[in-house]
Amino acid sequence: MRHVVVLGGNIAGLTAARVLSQASVRVTIVEPDGHSGGLRNGVPQRQQLHALLDMGRTQLDRMFPRLTRDLVADGASLASGEEIEMYTAGRASSGCRAMNWSA
């Protein structure tokens, strides 16, 4: 069996680990902040609002079937349209559908 080390337990690292494990690869995740179930000290944006666009949520729900349910149970809120505003290069763009949660 192949063995892969994934550096970082963020959403990208955890998703990569999930995909690799489904391909019968042994995975070790190395996370310098550890896992305390709270804010990650080494991440500068840890206290900012986080949003997940709808297609990203849909794809993650395919890999992690109870993800949306669990996030909502932990305090995340589903929002769409005028409820949220997204900014790109300092300009607001409305009409996005996203799931957002704050730490």
C-alpha atoms as a PDB file:
ATOM      1  CA  MET A   1       0.000   0.000   0.000  1.00  0.00           C
ATOM      2  CA  ARG A   2       1.281   3.447  -0.880  1.00  0.00           C
ATOM      3  CA  HIS A   3       1.725   6.023   1.872  1.00  0.00           C
ATOM      4  CA  VAL A   4       1.237   9.762   1.367  1.00  0.00           C
ATOM      5  CA  VAL A   5       1.861  12.609   3.807  1.00  0.00           C
ATOM      6  CA  VAL A   6      -0.525  15.562   3.484  1.00  0.00           C
ATOM      7  CA  LEU A   7       0.809  18.820   4.889  1.00  0.00           C
ATOM      8  CA  GLY A   8      -1.973  20.820   6.531  1.00  0.00           C
ATOM      9  CA  GLY A   9      -5.302  19.863   8.039  1.00  0.00           C
ATOM     10  CA  ASN A  10      -7.245  22.656   6.358  1.00  0.00           C
ATOM     11  CA  ILE A  11     -10.176  22.020   4.026  1.00  0.00           C
ATOM     12  CA  ALA A  12      -7.847  21.337   1.079  1.00  0.00           C
ATOM     13  CA  GLY A  13      -5.643  18.948   3.060  1.00  0.00           C
ATOM     14  CA  LEU A  14      -8.586  17.057   4.532  1.00  0.00           C
ATOM     15  CA  THR A  15     -10.260  16.773   1.125  1.00  0.00           C
ATOM     16  CA  ALA A  16      -7.027  15.512  -0.463  1.00  0.00           C
ATOM     17  CA  ALA A  17      -6.694  12.956   2.343  1.00  0.00           C
ATOM     18  CA  ARG A  18     -10.273  11.790   1.769  1.00  0.00           C
ATOM     19  CA  VAL A  19      -9.744  11.322  -1.981  1.00  0.00           C
ATOM     20  CA  LEU A  20      -6.447   9.490  -1.436  1.00  0.00           C
ATOM     21  CA  SER A  21      -7.900   7.194   1.215  1.00  0.00           C
ATOM     22  CA  GLN A  22     -10.748   6.256  -1.129  1.00  0.00           C
ATOM     23  CA  ALA A  23      -8.051   5.179  -3.606  1.00  0.00           C
ATOM     24  CA  SER A  24      -6.629   2.796  -0.966  1.00  0.00           C
ATOM     25  CA  VAL A  25      -3.682   5.033  -0.140  1.00  0.00           C
ATOM     26  CA  ARG A  26      -2.520   5.220   3.483  1.00  0.00           C
ATOM     27  CA  VAL A  27      -2.568   8.894   4.509  1.00  0.00           C
ATOM     28  CA  THR A  28      -0.874  10.781   7.323  1.00  0.00           C
ATOM     29  CA  ILE A  29      -1.952  14.391   7.902  1.00  0.00           C
ATOM     30  CA  VAL A  30       0.648  16.690   9.452  1.00  0.00           C
ATOM     31  CA  GLU A  31      -0.910  19.778  11.039  1.00  0.00           C
ATOM     32  CA  PRO A  32       1.442  22.158  12.880  1.00  0.00           C
ATOM     33  CA  ASP A  33      -1.395  23.753  14.880  1.00  0.00           C
ATOM     34  CA  GLY A  34      -2.732  20.434  16.164  1.00  0.00           C
ATOM     35  CA  HIS A  35      -6.462  19.917  16.424  1.00  0.00           C
ATOM     36  CA  SER A  36      -8.150  21.586  19.349  1.00  0.00           C
ATOM     37  CA  GLY A  37     -11.601  21.891  17.827  1.00  0.00           C
ATOM     38  CA  GLY A  38     -11.314  25.671  17.916  1.00  0.00           C
ATOM     39  CA  LEU A  39      -9.389  28.460  16.246  1.00  0.00           C
ATOM     40  CA  ARG A  40      -6.109  27.527  14.571  1.00  0.00           C
ATOM     41  CA  ASN A  41      -3.404  29.839  15.922  1.00  0.00           C
ATOM     42  CA  GLY A  42      -1.138  29.598  12.852  1.00  0.00           C
ATOM     43  CA  VAL A  43      -3.837  30.795  10.449  1.00  0.00           C
ATOM     44  CA  PRO A  44      -4.017  34.604  10.140  1.00  0.00           C
ATOM     45  CA  GLN A  45      -7.609  34.576   8.841  1.00  0.00           C
ATOM     46  CA  ARG A  46      -8.858  32.359  11.688  1.00  0.00           C
ATOM     47  CA  GLN A  47     -11.241  35.001  13.069  1.00  0.00           C
ATOM     48  CA  GLN A  48     -12.671  36.139   9.745  1.00  0.00           C
ATOM     49  CA  LEU A  49     -16.003  35.105   8.336  1.00  0.00           C
ATOM     50  CA  HIS A  50     -15.656  32.119   5.985  1.00  0.00           C
ATOM     51  CA  ALA A  51     -17.931  31.363   3.060  1.00  0.00           C
ATOM     52  CA  LEU A  52     -18.318  28.328   0.851  1.00  0.00           C
ATOM     53  CA  LEU A  53     -19.915  28.871  -2.533  1.00  0.00           C
ATOM     54  CA  ASP A  54     -22.797  26.579  -3.412  1.00  0.00           C
ATOM     55  CA  MET A  55     -20.938  24.448  -5.996  1.00  0.00           C
ATOM     56  CA  GLY A  56     -18.078  23.905  -3.554  1.00  0.00           C
ATOM     57  CA  ARG A  57     -20.599  22.821  -0.914  1.00  0.00           C
ATOM     58  CA  THR A  58     -22.282  20.498  -3.396  1.00  0.00           C
ATOM     59  CA  GLN A  59     -18.986  18.824  -4.302  1.00  0.00           C
ATOM     60  CA  LEU A  60     -17.904  18.504  -0.656  1.00  0.00           C
ATOM     61  CA  ASP A  61     -21.305  17.008   0.213  1.00  0.00           C
ATOM     62  CA  ARG A  62     -20.651  14.346  -2.427  1.00  0.00           C
ATOM     63  CA  MET A  63     -17.431  13.338  -0.638  1.00  0.00           C
ATOM     64  CA  PHE A  64     -18.667  13.989   2.902  1.00  0.00           C
ATOM     65  CA  PRO A  65     -22.422  13.174   2.809  1.00  0.00           C
ATOM     66  CA  ARG A  66     -23.337  14.766   6.163  1.00  0.00           C
ATOM     67  CA  LEU A  67     -21.099  17.845   5.862  1.00  0.00           C
ATOM     68  CA  THR A  68     -23.805  20.487   5.365  1.00  0.00           C
ATOM     69  CA  ARG A  69     -26.004  18.972   8.069  1.00  0.00           C
ATOM     70  CA  ASP A  70     -23.095  18.852  10.538  1.00  0.00           C
ATOM     71  CA  LEU A  71     -21.927  22.397   9.760  1.00  0.00           C
ATOM     72  CA  VAL A  72     -25.442  23.794  10.190  1.00  0.00           C
ATOM     73  CA  ALA A  73     -25.788  21.847  13.469  1.00  0.00           C
ATOM     74  CA  ASP A  74     -22.523  23.496  14.610  1.00  0.00           C
ATOM     75  CA  GLY A  75     -23.798  27.000  13.855  1.00  0.00           C
ATOM     76  CA  ALA A  76     -23.225  27.555  10.130  1.00  0.00           C
ATOM     77  CA  SER A  77     -25.986  29.309   8.226  1.00  0.00           C
ATOM     78  CA  LEU A  78     -27.133  28.860   4.655  1.00  0.00           C
ATOM     79  CA  ALA A  79     -27.511  32.145   2.819  1.00  0.00           C
ATOM     80  CA  SER A  80     -28.352  33.164  -0.720  1.00  0.00           C
ATOM     81  CA  GLY A  81     -28.949  36.168  -2.883  1.00  0.00           C
ATOM     82  CA  GLU A  82     -29.173  39.463  -1.034  1.00  0.00           C
ATOM     83  CA  GLU A  83     -28.272  37.889   2.314  1.00  0.00           C
ATOM     84  CA  ILE A  84     -24.554  37.968   1.536  1.00  0.00           C
ATOM     85  CA  GLU A  85     -22.214  40.132  -0.468  1.00  0.00           C
ATOM     86  CA  MET A  86     -19.072  38.923  -2.177  1.00  0.00           C
ATOM     87  CA  TYR A  87     -16.212  41.260  -3.060  1.00  0.00           C
ATOM     88  CA  THR A  88     -13.619  40.798  -5.786  1.00  0.00           C
ATOM     89  CA  ALA A  89     -10.835  43.355  -6.167  1.00  0.00           C
ATOM     90  CA  GLY A  90     -12.746  45.754  -3.924  1.00  0.00           C
ATOM     91  CA  ARG A  91     -15.995  45.592  -5.890  1.00  0.00           C
ATOM     92  CA  ALA A  92     -19.206  44.084  -4.541  1.00  0.00           C
ATOM     93  CA  SER A  93     -21.026  41.480  -6.600  1.00  0.00           C
ATOM     94  CA  SER A  94     -24.456  40.351  -5.406  1.00  0.00           C
ATOM     95  CA  GLY A  95     -26.640  37.390  -6.220  1.00  0.00           C
ATOM     96  CA  CYS A  96     -24.222  34.705  -4.979  1.00  0.00           C
ATOM     97  CA  ARG A  97     -25.392  31.598  -3.174  1.00  0.00           C
ATOM     98  CA  ALA A  98     -23.098  30.527  -0.377  1.00  0.00           C
ATOM     99  CA  MET A  99     -22.901  28.757   2.923  1.00  0.00           C
ATOM    100  CA  ASN A 100     -21.149  30.843   5.506  1.00  0.00           C
ATOM    101  CA  TRP A 101     -20.043  30.340   9.052  1.00  0.00           C
ATOM    102  CA  SER A 102     -17.886  32.241  11.451  1.00  0.00           C
ATOM    103  CA  ALA A 103     -15.404  30.892  13.939  1.00  0.00           C
END
